[in-house]
Protein backbone atom coordinates (compact mmCIF):
# COMPACT_ATOMS: atom_id res chain seq x y z
CA MET A 1 101.72 -59.88 189.31
CA GLU A 2 102.40 -62.56 186.75
CA ARG A 3 104.21 -62.34 183.41
CA LYS A 4 102.81 -64.17 180.41
CA ALA A 5 104.25 -64.66 176.96
CA PHE A 6 103.03 -66.30 173.79
CA LYS A 7 103.77 -66.35 170.09
CA MET A 8 101.47 -65.90 167.11
CA PHE A 9 102.03 -66.12 163.38
CA LEU A 10 101.74 -63.22 160.94
CA LYS A 11 101.02 -63.93 157.28
CA PRO A 12 103.83 -62.71 154.97
CA GLY A 13 103.40 -59.23 153.54
CA PHE A 14 101.13 -57.92 156.29
CA GLU A 15 103.71 -56.41 158.64
CA LYS A 16 102.71 -52.78 158.05
CA GLU A 17 98.99 -53.57 158.20
CA TYR A 18 99.43 -55.43 161.50
CA GLY A 19 101.23 -52.42 162.98
CA LYS A 20 98.62 -50.02 161.59
CA ARG A 21 95.71 -51.96 163.06
CA HIS A 22 97.35 -52.12 166.48
CA ASN A 23 98.26 -48.44 166.43
CA GLU A 24 94.54 -47.82 165.90
CA ILE A 25 93.37 -50.34 168.52
CA TRP A 26 89.72 -49.90 169.36
CA PRO A 27 89.19 -47.98 172.61
CA GLU A 28 86.68 -50.57 173.84
CA LEU A 29 89.21 -53.38 173.29
CA LYS A 30 91.95 -51.46 175.06
CA GLN A 31 89.60 -50.78 177.98
CA LEU A 32 88.57 -54.45 178.17
CA ILE A 33 92.20 -55.61 178.23
CA GLU A 34 93.14 -53.10 180.91
CA GLU A 35 90.07 -53.90 183.04
CA SER A 36 90.95 -57.61 182.87
CA GLY A 37 94.22 -56.87 184.68
CA VAL A 38 96.59 -56.91 181.70
CA TYR A 39 99.22 -54.16 181.59
CA ASP A 40 102.71 -53.57 180.23
CA TYR A 41 101.69 -55.45 177.07
CA SER A 42 104.08 -55.57 174.11
CA ILE A 43 104.13 -57.45 170.83
CA PHE A 44 107.39 -57.87 168.91
CA TRP A 45 107.83 -59.01 165.30
CA ASP A 46 110.61 -61.38 164.18
CA LYS A 47 111.27 -60.33 160.57
CA GLU A 48 113.02 -63.61 159.70
CA THR A 49 110.17 -65.92 160.74
CA ASN A 50 107.07 -63.67 160.82
CA ILE A 51 106.52 -64.81 164.38
CA LEU A 52 104.92 -62.31 166.74
CA PHE A 53 106.14 -62.52 170.32
CA ALA A 54 103.77 -61.11 172.93
CA SER A 55 104.64 -60.30 176.51
CA GLN A 56 102.33 -58.94 179.19
CA LYS A 57 102.03 -58.48 182.89
CA VAL A 58 98.83 -59.64 184.53
CA LYS A 59 97.07 -58.89 187.80
CA GLY A 60 94.70 -61.65 188.82
CA GLY A 61 96.05 -64.50 186.73
CA ALA A 62 94.05 -64.14 183.50
CA GLY A 63 95.77 -62.68 180.47
CA SER A 64 94.49 -61.32 177.18
CA GLN A 65 94.38 -64.86 175.81
CA ASP A 66 91.61 -65.63 178.33
CA LEU A 67 89.15 -63.07 176.92
CA GLY A 68 87.96 -65.13 173.94
CA ASN A 69 84.34 -65.34 175.07
CA ASN A 70 83.94 -61.58 174.92
CA PRO A 71 82.12 -60.24 171.79
CA ILE A 72 84.62 -57.36 171.44
CA VAL A 73 87.51 -59.83 171.30
CA GLN A 74 85.65 -62.05 168.84
CA LYS A 75 85.05 -59.02 166.60
CA TRP A 76 88.78 -58.14 166.82
CA TRP A 77 89.73 -61.70 165.90
CA ALA A 78 87.50 -61.53 162.82
CA TYR A 79 89.07 -58.18 161.90
CA MET A 80 92.59 -59.65 162.19
CA ALA A 81 91.87 -63.05 160.60
CA ASP A 82 92.94 -62.03 157.10
CA ILE A 83 96.50 -61.19 158.19
CA MET A 84 97.26 -63.86 160.82
CA GLU A 85 97.18 -67.61 161.09
CA THR A 86 93.92 -68.40 162.86
CA ASN A 87 91.89 -71.25 164.27
CA ALA A 88 88.40 -72.12 163.01
CA ASP A 89 86.84 -69.58 165.42
CA ASN A 90 89.13 -66.79 164.09
CA SER A 91 91.22 -66.81 167.28
CA PRO A 92 94.89 -66.37 166.45
CA VAL A 93 96.97 -69.51 166.47
CA SER A 94 99.05 -68.90 169.56
CA VAL A 95 101.50 -70.88 171.60
CA GLU A 96 102.03 -70.09 175.26
CA LEU A 97 105.69 -69.76 176.15
CA GLU A 98 107.25 -70.96 179.36
CA GLU A 99 109.46 -68.54 181.23
CA VAL A 100 112.91 -70.04 181.79
CA PHE A 101 114.80 -66.96 183.00
CA TYR A 102 114.01 -63.60 184.55
CA LEU A 103 116.56 -61.03 185.70
CA LYS A 104 114.95 -58.71 188.18
């Protein structure tokens, strides 16, 4: 098991919409993420900066950020592009975070 964390950037004014879309996550996307070995996946919102902090546990080394070649993920990115900072391919701008402390 490996823990991964990254941050993304939410556009101002879209906090409720971001939550709504994730509460209604597509079953096929959820299944894909789970089948890839990702579990215990949370996303937190920092109200002061509009930064989204994501944390997940991974079996097998590849996290959700490694699924970008999948058409389901690409469709999700396009769906989310209007409310997040994105790259040219609609993938969310994300920054991997290095773990510096873990209390077990």
